[in-house]
Amino acid sequence: MSKYPGTHANVPKFMTTGPVLPVMVIPSLDQALPLADALIAGGITVLEITLRTDCALDAIKLIAKERPDAIVGAGTVLTPHDAEKAAKAGAKFLVSPGLTKELAKQDSLPLLPGVQTASEVMQALEWNFTHLKFFPAVPAGGIPMLKGIGGPLPQVKFCPTGGIDAKNAADFLALDNVLCVGGSWVAPAKAMQDGNWAEITRLTAEAVAAFSKA
């Protein structure tokens, strides 16, 4: 095995399943299944649950067990230990805001690591990663930055995340080096707090219909 496993075959697969990778911050375990159901009903089956809350791993475990047709991943993965815990919980992929040498060497699950600059993209390529998260997308330069990177590094494909919403998602998705976008607008915190799952399904269905590439 390579010292740096890098990208796996099913990283491109989950990046091309749909136009939007929802960034899910689940504060309470009782919201996990209703939120997953609302997103699935709207047409999104790849779900990123960030490891930012105490119940995140339990939420991954619950959704992976009860909704086997969903592809559940763990976000905000910072260390190999995070990766191991996510894999044990039933996650199928990992998303990180950045990339370190130790995280690059983890081989628990496919990893989508975050980058901001051309140098970081080149380092990721040295470690066998060709599919990357561009984060935070809008503050890091947005569409002009991705266009600039795409010139000398056309082999790299991105999932921009950070500042993406219904107003700018289509512009990002129109880029040749963007396969999907990550965002939380399809699952707003207020709708989750109010238990307004129908609203989340509506937002999800609108995003899938509006942004799916031909």
Protein backbone atom coordinates (compact mmCIF):
# COMPACT_ATOMS: atom_id res chain seq x y z
CA MET A 1 0.00 0.00 0.00
CA SER A 2 1.17 3.49 -0.80
CA LYS A 3 2.38 5.54 2.15
CA TYR A 4 -0.28 8.06 1.15
CA PRO A 5 -3.50 6.28 0.09
CA GLY A 6 -4.89 9.46 -1.47
CA THR A 7 -8.11 9.32 -3.41
CA HIS A 8 -10.23 6.20 -3.68
CA ALA A 9 -12.50 5.09 -6.52
CA ASN A 10 -15.67 5.90 -4.59
CA VAL A 11 -14.66 9.48 -3.79
CA PRO A 12 -15.56 10.55 -7.35
CA LYS A 13 -18.68 8.38 -7.06
CA PHE A 14 -20.13 10.23 -4.07
CA MET A 15 -19.10 13.57 -5.57
CA THR A 16 -21.15 12.87 -8.69
CA THR A 17 -24.24 11.38 -7.04
CA GLY A 18 -25.87 14.81 -6.81
CA PRO A 19 -25.08 18.51 -7.16
CA VAL A 20 -25.20 19.35 -3.45
CA LEU A 21 -23.40 17.71 -0.52
CA PRO A 22 -25.34 18.88 2.53
CA VAL A 23 -23.22 19.95 5.48
CA MET A 24 -25.24 18.68 8.44
CA VAL A 25 -24.64 19.98 11.96
CA ILE A 26 -26.87 17.86 14.19
CA PRO A 27 -27.19 19.22 17.75
CA SER A 28 -29.59 16.55 19.01
CA LEU A 29 -29.78 12.86 18.15
CA ASP A 30 -33.56 12.96 17.83
CA GLN A 31 -33.11 15.22 14.79
CA ALA A 32 -30.88 12.78 12.92
CA LEU A 33 -33.43 10.52 11.23
CA PRO A 34 -36.01 13.24 10.48
CA LEU A 35 -33.29 15.36 8.88
CA ALA A 36 -31.95 12.43 6.86
CA ASP A 37 -35.48 11.55 5.74
CA ALA A 38 -36.20 15.14 4.71
CA LEU A 39 -33.03 15.31 2.61
CA ILE A 40 -33.60 11.90 1.05
CA ALA A 41 -37.19 12.82 0.20
CA GLY A 42 -35.86 15.89 -1.61
CA GLY A 43 -33.46 13.80 -3.68
CA ILE A 44 -30.16 13.95 -1.78
CA THR A 45 -28.77 10.63 -0.57
CA VAL A 46 -25.14 11.58 0.16
CA LEU A 47 -25.05 13.12 3.63
CA GLU A 48 -22.09 14.75 5.40
CA ILE A 49 -22.49 14.88 9.18
CA THR A 50 -19.91 17.16 10.74
CA LEU A 51 -18.10 16.06 13.89
CA ARG A 52 -18.89 19.36 15.58
CA THR A 53 -21.46 18.15 18.09
CA ASP A 54 -21.41 15.59 20.88
CA CYS A 55 -23.96 13.38 19.14
CA ALA A 56 -22.38 13.43 15.67
CA LEU A 57 -20.91 9.92 15.80
CA ASP A 58 -24.15 8.52 17.22
CA ALA A 59 -26.05 10.29 14.42
CA ILE A 60 -23.80 8.71 11.81
CA LYS A 61 -24.30 5.29 13.40
CA LEU A 62 -28.08 5.71 13.57
CA ILE A 63 -28.53 6.94 10.00
CA ALA A 64 -26.13 4.34 8.59
CA LYS A 65 -28.10 1.58 10.32
CA GLU A 66 -31.65 2.80 9.76
CA ARG A 67 -31.25 4.35 6.30
CA PRO A 68 -28.95 1.93 4.45
CA ASP A 69 -29.70 3.49 1.05
CA ALA A 70 -28.07 6.74 2.20
CA ILE A 71 -24.33 7.29 1.82
CA VAL A 72 -23.30 8.79 5.15
CA GLY A 73 -19.99 10.54 5.64
CA ALA A 74 -18.22 12.36 8.45
CA GLY A 75 -17.16 15.98 8.10
CA THR A 76 -14.72 18.12 10.12
CA VAL A 77 -12.36 15.15 10.33
CA LEU A 78 -9.10 16.52 11.73
CA THR A 79 -7.01 13.50 12.77
CA PRO A 80 -6.55 9.80 11.94
CA HIS A 81 -8.29 9.08 15.25
CA ASP A 82 -11.35 11.00 14.03
CA ALA A 83 -11.24 8.90 10.87
CA GLU A 84 -11.13 5.65 12.84
CA LYS A 85 -14.07 6.67 15.02
CA ALA A 86 -16.11 7.70 12.00
CA ALA A 87 -15.40 4.39 10.26
CA LYS A 88 -16.47 2.43 13.36
CA ALA A 89 -19.70 4.46 13.47
CA GLY A 90 -20.55 3.43 9.91
CA ALA A 91 -19.39 6.39 7.83
CA LYS A 92 -18.56 5.65 4.20
CA PHE A 93 -16.36 8.68 3.50
CA LEU A 94 -14.52 11.51 5.26
CA VAL A 95 -14.36 15.26 4.66
CA SER A 96 -11.74 17.53 6.21
CA PRO A 97 -11.26 21.32 6.18
CA GLY A 98 -7.56 20.80 5.43
CA LEU A 99 -4.86 18.19 4.92
CA THR A 100 -1.94 17.19 7.13
CA LYS A 101 0.71 14.55 6.56
CA GLU A 102 -0.77 12.27 9.21
CA LEU A 103 -4.32 12.66 7.94
CA ALA A 104 -3.13 11.96 4.39
CA LYS A 105 -1.76 8.60 5.55
CA GLN A 106 -5.02 7.41 7.14
CA ASP A 107 -6.58 4.53 5.28
CA SER A 108 -9.79 4.01 7.25
CA LEU A 109 -12.06 5.54 4.60
CA PRO A 110 -11.96 7.60 1.40
CA LEU A 111 -11.00 11.17 2.26
CA LEU A 112 -12.00 14.46 0.64
CA PRO A 113 -9.47 16.93 2.07
CA GLY A 114 -9.71 20.70 2.00
CA VAL A 115 -7.33 23.07 0.20
CA GLN A 116 -7.16 26.81 -0.51
CA THR A 117 -4.09 27.49 -2.64
CA ALA A 118 -2.25 26.13 -5.66
CA SER A 119 0.59 25.01 -3.40
CA GLU A 120 -1.83 23.05 -1.23
CA VAL A 121 -3.33 21.44 -4.34
CA MET A 122 0.16 20.46 -5.53
CA GLN A 123 0.93 18.95 -2.12
CA ALA A 124 -2.33 16.99 -2.23
CA LEU A 125 -1.40 15.66 -5.68
CA GLU A 126 1.95 14.46 -4.31
CA TRP A 127 -0.05 12.51 -1.73
CA ASN A 128 -2.27 10.97 -4.45
CA PHE A 129 -5.38 13.13 -3.94
CA THR A 130 -7.04 14.35 -7.14
CA HIS A 131 -10.50 15.13 -5.68
CA LEU A 132 -10.48 17.96 -3.16
CA LYS A 133 -12.68 20.23 -1.12
CA PHE A 134 -12.09 23.94 -1.83
CA PHE A 135 -12.63 25.58 1.55
CA PRO A 136 -13.69 28.14 2.57
CA ALA A 137 -14.74 28.64 -1.03
CA VAL A 138 -16.00 32.22 -1.13
CA PRO A 139 -13.49 33.77 1.32
CA ALA A 140 -10.64 31.89 -0.41
CA GLY A 141 -11.31 33.51 -3.77
CA GLY A 142 -14.40 31.76 -5.03
CA ILE A 143 -14.97 31.24 -8.74
CA PRO A 144 -11.97 33.30 -9.96
CA MET A 145 -9.65 31.25 -7.74
CA LEU A 146 -11.03 27.94 -8.99
CA LYS A 147 -10.71 29.11 -12.58
CA GLY A 148 -7.13 30.13 -11.90
CA ILE A 149 -6.24 26.78 -10.33
CA GLY A 150 -7.97 24.92 -13.15
CA GLY A 151 -5.59 26.31 -15.76
CA PRO A 152 -2.32 24.71 -14.61
CA LEU A 153 -3.99 21.88 -12.63
CA PRO A 154 -6.88 20.65 -14.79
CA GLN A 155 -6.68 17.09 -13.45
CA VAL A 156 -8.04 18.13 -10.04
CA LYS A 157 -11.79 18.14 -9.32
CA PHE A 158 -13.36 20.10 -6.49
CA CYS A 159 -16.28 20.32 -4.10
CA PRO A 160 -16.34 24.01 -3.07
CA THR A 161 -17.75 24.56 0.43
CA GLY A 162 -18.07 27.69 2.53
CA GLY A 163 -20.29 30.57 1.50
CA ILE A 164 -22.19 28.48 -1.07
CA ASP A 165 -25.95 29.05 -1.24
CA ALA A 166 -28.89 28.93 -3.63
CA LYS A 167 -27.78 32.22 -5.22
CA ASN A 168 -24.26 31.21 -6.26
CA ALA A 169 -24.31 27.40 -6.44
CA ALA A 170 -25.09 27.31 -10.16
CA ASP A 171 -22.11 29.55 -10.96
CA PHE A 172 -19.74 27.25 -9.10
CA LEU A 173 -21.25 24.12 -10.66
CA ALA A 174 -20.78 25.60 -14.15
CA LEU A 175 -16.99 25.32 -13.74
CA ASP A 176 -15.34 22.35 -15.46
CA ASN A 177 -13.34 21.45 -12.35
CA VAL A 178 -16.33 21.42 -9.96
CA LEU A 179 -18.29 18.20 -9.48
CA CYS A 180 -20.56 19.26 -6.63
CA VAL A 181 -20.91 21.94 -3.98
CA GLY A 182 -21.16 21.65 -0.23
CA GLY A 183 -23.56 23.75 1.77
CA SER A 184 -25.86 24.02 4.74
CA TRP A 185 -28.59 26.14 3.16
CA VAL A 186 -30.70 23.08 2.33
CA ALA A 187 -30.93 22.27 6.05
CA PRO A 188 -31.18 25.64 7.84
CA ALA A 189 -30.81 25.62 11.61
CA LYS A 190 -34.17 27.33 12.18
CA ALA A 191 -36.06 24.74 10.16
CA MET A 192 -34.33 21.98 12.12
CA GLN A 193 -35.09 23.69 15.43
CA ASP A 194 -38.75 24.11 14.45
CA GLY A 195 -39.02 20.56 13.15
CA ASN A 196 -40.01 21.96 9.77
CA TRP A 197 -38.83 18.94 7.80
CA ALA A 198 -41.15 19.74 4.90
CA GLU A 199 -39.25 23.00 4.36
CA ILE A 200 -35.95 21.13 4.23
CA THR A 201 -37.40 18.69 1.70
CA ARG A 202 -38.62 21.64 -0.38
CA LEU A 203 -35.22 23.36 -0.33
CA THR A 204 -33.48 20.10 -1.16
CA ALA A 205 -35.78 19.30 -4.08
CA GLU A 206 -35.34 22.83 -5.45
CA ALA A 207 -31.56 22.52 -5.26
CA VAL A 208 -31.51 19.13 -6.97
CA ALA A 209 -33.82 20.33 -9.74
CA ALA A 210 -32.03 23.62 -10.28
CA PHE A 211 -28.41 22.54 -10.05
CA SER A 212 -28.19 19.01 -11.43
CA LYS A 213 -25.81 18.99 -14.37
CA ALA A 214 -27.09 17.61 -17.65
